[in-house]
Amino acid sequence: MALRALKFASLTAAASGIYLYGNKFLDPNDFGVVRVGRAIATTAVITYDYLTSLRSVPYGSEEYEFLKSQVHLRSAERLRELCCSNRGTFIKVGQHLGALDYLLPEEYTRTLKVLHSQAPQSTRQEIEQVIREDLGKEIKELFMSFEDTPLGAASLAQVHKAVLQDGRTVAVKIQHPKVQSQSSKDILLMEVLLLVVKQIFPDFEFMWLVEEAKKNLPLELDFLHEGRNAEKVAHMLKNFDFLKVPRIYWELSTRRVLLMEFMEGGQVNDRAYMERNGINVNEISRNLGKLYSEMIFVNGFVHCDPHPGNVLVKKCPASGKAHIILLDHGLYQVLSESFRMDYCRLWQALIKADMKRVQKYSRRLGAGDLYPLFACMLTARSWESVNKGIDQSPISASEDMEIRSNAAAYLPQITQLLNNVPRQMLLLLKTNDLLRGIESALHTRASASSFLNMSRCCIRAVSTYQRSKSHSFYRRAQISLTETLSLWQINLYELFLWLKGSQLGNWVIALLRRLHHFTY
């Protein structure tokens, strides 16, 4: 067995060498022998574990399910160790995998989620080097004070609190110095390893992950691009007075250094922080839903990394209002108009439990015959709940367990689906899962208000699109009237739900029952 593992490692190394040579990335010093060797060895061990541990056990038996869970866990831990050791791009991809709740077995997502708190830190010397190279000055020349301990460290960069010479308090985001040179080669290495694994396990289809990293990582490594995204989303959502986006100081920003207005608060999933500071948890959850519904359905410009470290909340002492602070604007998804309209109509169908339209728009988005699985992945609900209506009842513990077990059982179909849907969908699925994780932590998941806000945005988006395609004044007026009536229906339904759950509503219901009793 050990000999077979060694042969596999040798085969992988040979395939890597041939592939890298063909792509003109032959210089091993760029990768580092240890770095590449570690990745190859980890892939070989994980593959060998799956090949041998389940080979002699009857498929579908209790023993098989138990052993499969153990292999998942061991493999996830090995993958986590690889990410922590190779750092940079590996941690970024590991974090992405850890966010794919209901798409990957729980053993993987639970194990890889810790990578958000295990990102590497650059030394003071490395930080000084980047600032010197990019801004042409020493830290002491630029700042009155500069805190050595970072406020937070991520896979690609870390953030320090500092005070400029003019007294402004700023957040300084500084890229890890080696990430830029290693990122493209790391992605290439992952691509080689995934291609080799796919030859052994034909159902293993995770090339979409590498393709997404290829497309998005160069954008995330350009901090000027991130600054432009921040300004764009702040302008786009200026009507939301609860949203705060840090101002960018362009005169001291480069591709590897970004200076921003300093903002602080509690993480959006910290329910205890909100209760201590008198922040309404339901209001925060509702406003977060409004924010993302507007981005996805109306504007088609979506912040795709809403993990709790990037979304803060703080109560304004002056107004008493709770603000949502949106950080880290490196990763956005721009949705095409046709995709956005199909996605709007799919969610309208899901909320109304209109199965014919669910099938129609799921197929238009690439799901094919796997549209029931696609609907379950989007909503994180069982197919039974989708058929009944996802707004009819909140998710239960038993349904949650069912979804997680199905994620493991249908992994080949899930990976096939992820390869078939438009690339725009992949980051939306990740965003959906991160938002659901926040709602779960706040105990506000699947509330009726979140679906009502989504419905409003879908109605507005579809109506705007229809008006733009109509050349008739009468038709445009008709569309506007239908939109107004539909929005009013939602408002009345929301009022009904509020009365039903309020003390006033209980009094009204009690009074009506009493009158009914006296009448008969």
Protein backbone atom coordinates (compact mmCIF):
# COMPACT_ATOMS: atom_id res chain seq x y z
CA MET A 1 0.00 0.00 0.00
CA ALA A 2 2.81 2.39 0.88
CA LEU A 3 4.40 1.54 -2.46
CA ARG A 4 1.17 2.44 -4.28
CA ALA A 5 1.00 5.77 -2.46
CA LEU A 6 4.60 6.47 -3.43
CA LYS A 7 3.80 5.60 -7.07
CA PHE A 8 0.83 7.96 -6.99
CA ALA A 9 2.99 10.77 -5.57
CA SER A 10 5.59 10.14 -8.28
CA LEU A 11 2.91 10.15 -10.99
CA THR A 12 1.51 13.40 -9.65
CA ALA A 13 4.95 14.99 -9.51
CA ALA A 14 5.69 13.88 -13.07
CA ALA A 15 2.35 15.18 -14.34
CA SER A 16 2.95 18.45 -12.51
CA GLY A 17 6.37 18.81 -14.09
CA ILE A 18 5.08 18.17 -17.62
CA TYR A 19 2.14 20.53 -17.15
CA LEU A 20 4.24 23.28 -15.61
CA TYR A 21 6.84 22.98 -18.36
CA GLY A 22 4.14 23.30 -21.01
CA ASN A 23 2.89 26.45 -19.28
CA LYS A 24 6.38 27.95 -18.92
CA PHE A 25 6.38 27.84 -15.13
CA LEU A 26 9.35 25.52 -14.79
CA ASP A 27 11.41 27.48 -12.26
CA PRO A 28 11.03 25.47 -9.01
CA ASN A 29 12.41 28.36 -6.97
CA ASP A 30 9.23 30.30 -7.69
CA PHE A 31 7.19 27.59 -5.99
CA GLY A 32 9.68 26.25 -3.49
CA VAL A 33 10.37 22.51 -3.40
CA VAL A 34 8.85 22.14 0.06
CA ARG A 35 5.72 24.09 -0.92
CA VAL A 36 5.02 21.95 -4.00
CA GLY A 37 6.06 18.73 -2.29
CA ARG A 38 3.73 19.39 0.63
CA ALA A 39 0.77 19.93 -1.71
CA ILE A 40 1.55 16.78 -3.72
CA ALA A 41 2.04 14.66 -0.60
CA THR A 42 -1.21 15.87 0.99
CA THR A 43 -3.16 15.18 -2.20
CA ALA A 44 -1.61 11.71 -2.45
CA VAL A 45 -2.45 10.80 1.15
CA ILE A 46 -6.05 12.05 0.89
CA THR A 47 -6.57 10.18 -2.38
CA TYR A 48 -5.05 6.99 -0.99
CA ASP A 49 -7.30 7.25 2.10
CA TYR A 50 -10.46 7.46 -0.02
CA LEU A 51 -9.32 4.65 -2.32
CA THR A 52 -8.55 2.16 0.45
CA SER A 53 -10.74 2.97 3.46
CA LEU A 54 -14.09 2.40 1.73
CA ARG A 55 -13.07 -0.31 -0.73
CA SER A 56 -14.18 -3.42 1.17
CA VAL A 57 -17.29 -1.98 2.87
CA PRO A 58 -20.79 -2.42 1.34
CA TYR A 59 -21.94 0.87 -0.19
CA GLY A 60 -24.79 2.53 1.73
CA SER A 61 -24.39 0.43 4.89
CA GLU A 62 -24.11 2.02 8.35
CA GLU A 63 -20.45 1.02 8.50
CA TYR A 64 -19.86 2.66 5.11
CA GLU A 65 -21.47 5.93 6.22
CA PHE A 66 -19.47 5.93 9.46
CA LEU A 67 -16.16 5.25 7.70
CA LYS A 68 -16.95 7.82 5.01
CA SER A 69 -17.50 10.46 7.69
CA GLN A 70 -14.17 9.54 9.27
CA VAL A 71 -12.37 9.80 5.92
CA HIS A 72 -14.03 13.18 5.26
CA LEU A 73 -12.84 14.43 8.65
CA ARG A 74 -9.26 13.17 8.26
CA SER A 75 -9.06 14.61 4.75
CA ALA A 76 -10.46 17.96 5.85
CA GLU A 77 -7.90 18.18 8.67
CA ARG A 78 -5.07 17.36 6.25
CA LEU A 79 -6.37 19.99 3.84
CA ARG A 80 -6.54 22.55 6.64
CA GLU A 81 -2.96 21.81 7.65
CA LEU A 82 -1.84 22.22 4.04
CA CYS A 83 -3.60 25.59 3.79
CA CYS A 84 -2.05 26.81 7.06
CA SER A 85 1.42 25.67 5.97
CA ASN A 86 1.34 27.04 2.41
CA ARG A 87 -0.65 30.15 3.42
CA GLY A 88 -1.65 32.85 0.93
CA THR A 89 -3.78 31.53 -1.92
CA PHE A 90 -4.21 28.15 -0.22
CA ILE A 91 -5.87 29.79 2.78
CA LYS A 92 -8.06 31.88 0.47
CA VAL A 93 -9.32 28.78 -1.37
CA GLY A 94 -9.72 26.90 1.92
CA GLN A 95 -11.85 29.74 3.30
CA HIS A 96 -14.00 29.58 0.17
CA LEU A 97 -14.55 25.84 0.68
CA GLY A 98 -15.32 26.39 4.36
CA ALA A 99 -18.11 28.81 3.39
CA LEU A 100 -19.87 26.28 1.13
CA ASP A 101 -22.37 25.04 3.72
CA TYR A 102 -24.90 22.60 2.28
CA LEU A 103 -22.66 22.14 -0.77
CA LEU A 104 -19.89 20.15 0.93
CA PRO A 105 -19.99 17.52 3.69
CA GLU A 106 -20.17 19.09 7.15
CA GLU A 107 -16.79 17.58 8.11
CA TYR A 108 -15.13 19.81 5.50
CA THR A 109 -17.00 23.05 6.17
CA ARG A 110 -16.71 22.74 9.96
CA THR A 111 -12.97 22.00 9.78
CA LEU A 112 -12.10 24.65 7.19
CA LYS A 113 -14.11 27.47 8.79
CA VAL A 114 -11.30 27.97 11.33
CA LEU A 115 -9.09 29.27 8.51
CA HIS A 116 -10.79 32.66 8.91
CA SER A 117 -9.03 32.96 12.27
CA GLN A 118 -5.74 31.31 11.25
CA ALA A 119 -4.61 33.65 8.51
CA PRO A 120 -0.86 34.45 8.40
CA GLN A 121 0.69 37.67 9.71
CA SER A 122 3.51 39.58 8.07
CA THR A 123 6.35 40.84 10.27
CA ARG A 124 7.03 44.50 10.99
CA GLN A 125 10.01 44.34 8.62
CA GLU A 126 7.85 42.98 5.80
CA ILE A 127 5.24 45.68 6.38
CA GLU A 128 7.88 48.39 6.31
CA GLN A 129 9.29 46.95 3.08
CA VAL A 130 5.90 47.05 1.28
CA ILE A 131 5.17 50.62 2.44
CA ARG A 132 8.66 51.77 1.48
CA GLU A 133 8.43 50.20 -1.98
CA ASP A 134 4.91 51.44 -2.72
CA LEU A 135 4.76 54.85 -1.02
CA GLY A 136 8.44 55.77 -1.09
CA LYS A 137 8.54 56.74 2.59
CA GLU A 138 9.14 55.19 5.97
CA ILE A 139 6.27 54.48 8.38
CA LYS A 140 7.46 57.18 10.80
CA GLU A 141 7.39 59.78 8.01
CA LEU A 142 3.79 58.97 7.05
CA PHE A 143 2.20 58.31 10.42
CA MET A 144 2.16 59.96 13.83
CA SER A 145 1.53 56.50 15.28
CA PHE A 146 1.27 53.00 13.79
CA GLU A 147 0.10 49.97 15.80
CA ASP A 148 2.36 46.97 15.29
CA THR A 149 -0.36 44.44 16.14
CA PRO A 150 -2.80 44.15 13.22
CA LEU A 151 -6.50 44.68 13.77
CA GLY A 152 -7.03 41.64 11.60
CA ALA A 153 -5.07 39.37 9.30
CA ALA A 154 -6.52 37.71 6.21
CA SER A 155 -5.14 35.33 3.61
CA LEU A 156 -3.93 38.13 1.31
CA ALA A 157 -3.36 41.11 3.60
CA GLN A 158 -3.56 42.52 7.10
CA VAL A 159 -4.95 45.75 8.53
CA HIS A 160 -3.25 48.10 11.01
CA LYS A 161 -4.64 51.09 12.90
CA ALA A 162 -2.62 54.26 12.46
CA VAL A 163 -2.80 58.05 12.87
CA LEU A 164 -1.70 60.31 10.02
CA GLN A 165 0.48 63.35 10.60
CA ASP A 166 -2.62 65.57 10.29
CA GLY A 167 -4.37 63.66 13.08
CA ARG A 168 -6.78 61.50 11.05
CA THR A 169 -7.20 57.95 12.36
CA VAL A 170 -6.99 55.46 9.50
CA ALA A 171 -7.01 51.77 8.76
CA VAL A 172 -4.00 50.69 6.67
CA LYS A 173 -4.50 47.53 4.61
CA ILE A 174 -1.15 46.05 3.55
CA GLN A 175 -0.69 43.08 1.26
CA HIS A 176 1.51 40.19 2.37
CA PRO A 177 4.72 40.71 0.34
CA LYS A 178 4.98 37.18 -1.13
CA VAL A 179 1.34 36.72 -2.14
CA GLN A 180 1.60 38.57 -5.45
CA SER A 181 4.46 36.43 -6.78
CA GLN A 182 3.09 33.13 -5.46
CA SER A 183 -0.62 33.43 -6.31
CA SER A 184 -0.60 32.52 -10.02
CA LYS A 185 1.76 29.62 -9.42
CA ASP A 186 -0.30 28.34 -6.49
CA ILE A 187 -3.42 28.32 -8.65
CA LEU A 188 -1.55 26.46 -11.37
CA LEU A 189 -0.35 23.89 -8.84
CA MET A 190 -3.93 23.39 -7.58
CA GLU A 191 -5.13 22.99 -11.16
CA VAL A 192 -2.56 20.24 -11.83
CA LEU A 193 -3.44 18.37 -8.65
CA LEU A 194 -7.19 18.59 -9.30
CA LEU A 195 -6.70 17.31 -12.86
CA VAL A 196 -4.77 14.30 -11.54
CA VAL A 197 -7.40 13.58 -8.86
CA LYS A 198 -10.14 13.77 -11.47
CA GLN A 199 -8.41 11.04 -13.46
CA ILE A 200 -8.72 8.77 -10.43
CA PHE A 201 -12.20 9.92 -9.30
CA PRO A 202 -14.17 10.87 -12.45
CA ASP A 203 -17.06 12.22 -10.32
CA PHE A 204 -14.75 14.71 -8.62
CA GLU A 205 -15.45 17.97 -10.45
CA PHE A 206 -13.96 20.93 -8.63
CA MET A 207 -12.25 22.67 -11.52
CA TRP A 208 -14.84 25.46 -11.15
CA LEU A 209 -13.07 26.44 -7.93
CA VAL A 210 -9.74 26.92 -9.72
CA GLU A 211 -11.44 28.80 -12.56
CA GLU A 212 -13.04 31.20 -10.08
CA ALA A 213 -9.72 31.73 -8.30
CA LYS A 214 -8.01 32.44 -11.63
CA LYS A 215 -10.58 35.11 -12.45
CA ASN A 216 -11.03 36.74 -9.05
CA LEU A 217 -7.65 36.58 -7.34
CA PRO A 218 -5.91 39.15 -9.58
CA LEU A 219 -8.76 41.59 -8.85
CA GLU A 220 -8.54 40.97 -5.09
CA LEU A 221 -4.79 41.60 -5.19
CA ASP A 222 -5.32 45.05 -6.75
CA PHE A 223 -6.25 47.32 -3.85
CA LEU A 224 -6.99 50.24 -6.19
CA HIS A 225 -9.72 48.07 -7.70
CA GLU A 226 -11.00 47.41 -4.18
CA GLY A 227 -11.11 51.14 -3.46
CA ARG A 228 -13.14 51.79 -6.60
CA ASN A 229 -15.58 49.04 -5.60
CA ALA A 230 -16.01 50.64 -2.17
CA GLU A 231 -16.84 54.02 -3.67
CA LYS A 232 -19.20 52.48 -6.22
CA VAL A 233 -21.24 50.53 -3.66
CA ALA A 234 -21.38 53.51 -1.28
CA HIS A 235 -22.84 55.67 -4.06
CA MET A 236 -25.12 52.90 -5.32
CA LEU A 237 -26.67 52.32 -1.86
CA LYS A 238 -26.57 55.91 -0.55
CA ASN A 239 -30.30 55.77 0.22
CA PHE A 240 -29.66 53.22 2.97
CA ASP A 241 -28.78 55.47 5.91
CA PHE A 242 -27.87 52.44 8.03
CA LEU A 243 -24.98 51.48 5.69
CA LYS A 244 -21.48 52.83 6.27
CA VAL A 245 -18.58 52.24 3.87
CA PRO A 246 -15.11 53.56 4.86
CA ARG A 247 -13.85 56.49 2.82
CA ILE A 248 -10.74 55.80 0.71
CA TYR A 249 -7.68 58.07 0.96
CA TRP A 250 -6.41 57.84 -2.59
CA GLU A 251 -3.30 59.98 -2.12
CA LEU A 252 -1.77 57.21 0.03
CA SER A 253 -3.15 54.13 -1.73
CA THR A 254 -1.48 51.79 -4.22
CA ARG A 255 -2.07 48.30 -5.61
CA ARG A 256 -0.64 46.81 -2.38
CA VAL A 257 -1.49 49.48 0.21
CA LEU A 258 -4.98 50.85 0.89
CA LEU A 259 -5.67 53.67 3.34
CA MET A 260 -9.23 53.96 4.60
CA GLU A 261 -11.27 55.81 7.16
CA PHE A 262 -11.04 53.91 10.45
CA MET A 263 -14.33 52.32 11.55
CA GLU A 264 -14.92 49.85 14.34
CA GLY A 265 -17.79 47.79 15.72
CA GLY A 266 -18.87 44.30 16.71
CA GLN A 267 -19.04 41.45 14.25
CA VAL A 268 -22.45 41.00 12.67
CA ASN A 269 -22.84 37.46 14.06
CA ASP A 270 -22.09 38.53 17.65
CA ARG A 271 -25.55 38.47 19.20
CA ALA A 272 -24.16 39.04 22.71
CA TYR A 273 -22.40 42.25 21.56
CA MET A 274 -25.65 43.56 20.10
CA GLU A 275 -27.61 42.79 23.26
CA ARG A 276 -24.97 44.51 25.42
CA ASN A 277 -25.08 47.61 23.23
CA GLY A 278 -28.85 47.82 22.83
CA ILE A 279 -28.85 46.89 19.13
CA ASN A 280 -31.98 45.23 17.77
CA VAL A 281 -30.88 41.88 16.35
CA ASN A 282 -33.96 41.52 14.13
CA GLU A 283 -33.44 45.00 12.70
CA ILE A 284 -29.82 44.19 11.81
CA SER A 285 -30.83 40.93 10.14
CA ARG A 286 -33.63 42.69 8.26
CA ASN A 287 -31.34 45.51 7.08
CA LEU A 288 -28.65 43.06 5.99
CA GLY A 289 -31.26 41.26 3.92
CA LYS A 290 -32.39 44.57 2.38
CA LEU A 291 -28.80 45.44 1.56
CA TYR A 292 -28.01 42.21 -0.25
CA SER A 293 -31.39 41.95 -1.98
CA GLU A 294 -30.79 45.43 -3.42
CA MET A 295 -27.29 44.50 -4.56
CA ILE A 296 -28.29 41.17 -6.11
CA PHE A 297 -31.71 41.76 -7.65
CA VAL A 298 -31.77 45.49 -8.40
CA ASN A 299 -28.18 46.56 -9.09
CA GLY A 300 -26.44 43.32 -10.05
CA PHE A 301 -23.27 44.43 -8.23
CA VAL A 302 -22.72 42.13 -5.28
CA HIS A 303 -20.25 42.18 -2.36
CA CYS A 304 -19.36 38.48 -2.28
CA ASP A 305 -17.38 38.09 0.94
CA PRO A 306 -19.81 38.87 3.79
CA HIS A 307 -18.10 36.73 6.41
CA PRO A 308 -18.54 38.20 9.91
CA GLY A 309 -15.11 39.88 9.96
CA ASN A 310 -16.13 41.98 6.96
CA VAL A 311 -19.53 43.09 8.28
CA LEU A 312 -19.55 45.09 11.51
CA VAL A 313 -22.38 46.70 13.48
CA LYS A 314 -22.27 49.73 15.74
CA LYS A 315 -24.81 51.94 17.46
CA CYS A 316 -24.39 55.64 16.70
CA PRO A 317 -24.28 57.53 20.04
CA ALA A 318 -25.78 60.68 18.52
CA SER A 319 -28.77 59.23 16.68
CA GLY A 320 -29.18 55.91 18.48
CA LYS A 321 -29.39 54.15 15.10
CA ALA A 322 -27.56 50.91 14.44
CA HIS A 323 -25.19 51.03 11.49
CA ILE A 324 -23.93 48.18 9.32
CA ILE A 325 -20.28 48.74 8.31
CA LEU A 326 -19.26 46.94 5.13
CA LEU A 327 -15.53 46.19 4.80
CA ASP A 328 -13.23 44.43 2.31
CA HIS A 329 -14.52 45.31 -1.14
CA GLY A 330 -12.05 43.27 -3.17
CA LEU A 331 -14.47 40.56 -4.28
CA TYR A 332 -17.58 41.66 -6.19
CA GLN A 333 -19.70 39.85 -8.75
CA VAL A 334 -21.21 41.78 -11.64
CA LEU A 335 -24.40 40.09 -12.84
CA SER A 336 -25.48 40.28 -16.45
CA GLU A 337 -28.98 41.60 -17.07
CA SER A 338 -30.30 38.31 -18.48
CA PHE A 339 -28.87 36.33 -15.56
CA ARG A 340 -30.25 38.81 -13.02
CA MET A 341 -33.76 38.66 -14.52
CA ASP A 342 -33.81 34.85 -14.55
CA TYR A 343 -32.53 34.82 -10.98
CA CYS A 344 -35.23 37.32 -9.89
CA ARG A 345 -37.98 35.26 -11.49
CA LEU A 346 -36.61 32.05 -9.99
CA TRP A 347 -36.74 33.50 -6.48
CA GLN A 348 -40.25 34.83 -7.08
CA ALA A 349 -41.27 31.32 -8.10
CA LEU A 350 -39.56 29.81 -5.04
CA ILE A 351 -41.31 32.21 -2.67
CA LYS A 352 -44.69 31.49 -4.31
CA ALA A 353 -43.97 27.73 -4.49
CA ASP A 354 -44.71 27.83 -8.23
CA MET A 355 -43.00 24.60 -9.22
CA LYS A 356 -43.49 25.00 -12.98
CA ARG A 357 -41.67 28.33 -12.94
CA VAL A 358 -39.04 26.97 -10.53
CA GLN A 359 -38.29 24.26 -13.08
CA LYS A 360 -38.35 26.72 -16.01
CA TYR A 361 -35.96 29.28 -14.54
CA SER A 362 -33.69 26.69 -12.91
CA ARG A 363 -33.21 25.13 -16.33
CA ARG A 364 -32.52 28.55 -17.84
CA LEU A 365 -29.79 28.99 -15.24
CA GLY A 366 -28.09 25.74 -16.23
CA ALA A 367 -29.53 23.30 -13.68
CA GLY A 368 -31.11 20.98 -16.28
CA ASP A 369 -32.73 17.89 -14.76
CA LEU A 370 -31.05 18.67 -11.44
CA TYR A 371 -33.41 21.60 -10.83
CA PRO A 372 -34.82 20.12 -7.55
CA LEU A 373 -31.28 19.90 -6.16
CA PHE A 374 -30.58 23.42 -7.41
CA ALA A 375 -33.67 24.78 -5.64
CA CYS A 376 -32.61 23.07 -2.41
CA MET A 377 -29.06 24.46 -2.70
CA LEU A 378 -30.32 28.03 -3.27
CA THR A 379 -32.78 28.00 -0.38
CA ALA A 380 -30.95 25.56 1.94
CA ARG A 381 -34.31 23.87 2.45
CA SER A 382 -35.53 20.35 1.76
CA TRP A 383 -37.45 19.61 -1.45
CA GLU A 384 -40.57 19.05 0.68
CA SER A 385 -40.24 22.56 2.15
CA VAL A 386 -39.63 24.06 -1.31
CA ASN A 387 -42.87 22.48 -2.53
CA LYS A 388 -44.84 23.74 0.49
CA GLY A 389 -43.37 27.24 0.31
CA ILE A 390 -40.10 28.32 1.92
CA ASP A 391 -41.79 31.20 3.75
CA GLN A 392 -44.36 28.97 5.45
CA SER A 393 -42.19 27.70 8.31
CA PRO A 394 -38.65 28.22 9.63
CA ILE A 395 -36.10 25.47 9.21
CA SER A 396 -36.09 22.78 11.90
CA ALA A 397 -33.16 20.89 13.42
CA SER A 398 -34.27 17.67 11.69
CA GLU A 399 -34.49 19.42 8.31
CA ASP A 400 -31.05 20.92 8.88
CA MET A 401 -29.62 17.45 9.52
CA GLU A 402 -31.38 16.10 6.43
CA ILE A 403 -29.85 18.83 4.26
CA ARG A 404 -26.35 18.17 5.59
CA SER A 405 -26.58 14.42 5.06
CA ASN A 406 -27.92 14.98 1.54
CA ALA A 407 -24.96 17.26 0.79
CA ALA A 408 -22.64 14.31 1.37
CA ALA A 409 -24.86 11.80 -0.45
CA TYR A 410 -25.31 13.98 -3.55
CA LEU A 411 -21.77 15.33 -3.81
CA PRO A 412 -21.24 14.05 -7.42
CA GLN A 413 -24.50 15.69 -8.54
CA ILE A 414 -23.63 18.90 -6.68
CA THR A 415 -20.23 19.14 -8.35
CA GLN A 416 -21.82 18.40 -11.74
CA LEU A 417 -24.35 21.18 -11.12
CA LEU A 418 -21.64 23.65 -10.09
CA ASN A 419 -19.83 22.93 -13.34
CA ASN A 420 -22.99 23.55 -15.38
CA VAL A 421 -24.40 26.75 -13.87
CA PRO A 422 -23.12 30.16 -15.06
CA ARG A 423 -19.91 31.28 -13.34
CA GLN A 424 -21.87 34.21 -11.86
CA MET A 425 -23.85 31.74 -9.77
CA LEU A 426 -20.85 30.35 -7.90
CA LEU A 427 -20.09 33.45 -5.87
CA LEU A 428 -23.80 34.01 -5.24
CA LEU A 429 -24.03 30.53 -3.71
CA LYS A 430 -21.07 31.33 -1.48
CA THR A 431 -22.66 34.67 -0.53
CA ASN A 432 -25.98 32.98 0.27
CA ASP A 433 -24.25 30.51 2.57
CA LEU A 434 -22.31 33.22 4.41
CA LEU A 435 -25.52 35.23 4.94
CA ARG A 436 -27.35 32.14 6.21
CA GLY A 437 -24.52 31.53 8.66
CA ILE A 438 -25.02 35.04 10.05
CA GLU A 439 -28.79 34.54 10.31
CA SER A 440 -28.27 31.23 12.10
CA ALA A 441 -25.94 32.87 14.63
CA LEU A 442 -28.51 35.63 15.23
CA HIS A 443 -31.43 33.12 15.34
CA THR A 444 -33.28 35.10 12.65
CA ARG A 445 -33.03 32.58 9.82
CA ALA A 446 -35.88 32.20 7.33
CA SER A 447 -37.98 34.98 8.82
CA ALA A 448 -40.93 36.13 6.74
CA SER A 449 -39.51 39.66 6.52
CA SER A 450 -36.42 38.47 4.62
CA PHE A 451 -38.60 36.89 1.92
CA LEU A 452 -40.81 40.00 1.76
CA ASN A 453 -37.75 42.20 1.16
CA MET A 454 -36.55 39.84 -1.55
CA SER A 455 -40.00 39.94 -3.16
CA ARG A 456 -39.99 43.75 -3.20
CA CYS A 457 -36.59 43.89 -4.86
CA CYS A 458 -37.55 41.25 -7.44
CA ILE A 459 -40.75 43.12 -8.34
CA ARG A 460 -38.88 46.43 -8.70
CA ALA A 461 -36.09 44.85 -10.75
CA VAL A 462 -38.40 43.01 -13.16
CA SER A 463 -40.63 46.08 -13.58
CA THR A 464 -37.66 48.33 -14.32
CA TYR A 465 -36.41 45.83 -16.90
CA GLN A 466 -39.84 45.54 -18.54
CA ARG A 467 -40.20 49.35 -18.75
CA SER A 468 -36.76 49.63 -20.36
CA LYS A 469 -37.82 47.20 -23.09
CA SER A 470 -41.21 48.81 -23.76
CA HIS A 471 -41.68 51.62 -26.30
CA SER A 472 -45.35 52.21 -25.50
CA PHE A 473 -46.34 54.84 -22.95
CA TYR A 474 -49.52 52.87 -22.19
CA ARG A 475 -47.54 49.68 -21.60
CA ARG A 476 -45.03 51.43 -19.33
CA ALA A 477 -47.90 52.95 -17.31
CA GLN A 478 -49.50 49.51 -17.03
CA ILE A 479 -46.22 47.99 -15.78
CA SER A 480 -45.85 50.78 -13.19
CA LEU A 481 -49.43 50.29 -11.96
CA THR A 482 -48.93 46.53 -11.63
CA GLU A 483 -45.67 47.16 -9.74
CA THR A 484 -47.37 49.58 -7.34
CA LEU A 485 -50.25 47.18 -6.65
CA SER A 486 -47.86 44.26 -6.07
CA LEU A 487 -45.76 46.31 -3.63
CA TRP A 488 -48.91 47.40 -1.82
CA GLN A 489 -49.98 43.77 -1.48
CA ILE A 490 -46.65 42.98 0.18
CA ASN A 491 -46.99 46.00 2.49
CA LEU A 492 -50.49 44.89 3.56
CA TYR A 493 -49.28 41.33 4.15
CA GLU A 494 -46.37 42.66 6.22
CA LEU A 495 -48.81 44.78 8.25
CA PHE A 496 -50.95 41.69 8.81
CA LEU A 497 -47.92 39.72 10.06
CA TRP A 498 -46.95 42.57 12.37
CA LEU A 499 -50.47 42.80 13.84
CA LYS A 500 -50.58 39.04 14.21
CA GLY A 501 -47.39 39.06 16.27
CA SER A 502 -48.03 42.24 18.27
CA GLN A 503 -49.96 42.86 21.47
CA LEU A 504 -52.38 45.11 19.59
CA GLY A 505 -53.00 42.33 17.12
CA ASN A 506 -53.76 39.89 19.92
CA TRP A 507 -56.28 42.33 21.40
CA VAL A 508 -57.97 42.78 18.01
CA ILE A 509 -58.17 39.01 17.46
CA ALA A 510 -59.55 38.49 21.00
CA LEU A 511 -62.14 41.22 20.42
CA LEU A 512 -63.25 39.71 17.11
CA ARG A 513 -63.59 36.28 18.72
CA ARG A 514 -65.68 37.75 21.53
CA LEU A 515 -67.96 39.56 19.06
CA HIS A 516 -68.28 36.35 17.08
CA HIS A 517 -69.25 34.50 20.29
CA PHE A 518 -71.91 37.10 21.21
CA THR A 519 -73.31 37.04 17.67
CA TYR A 520 -73.94 33.31 17.82
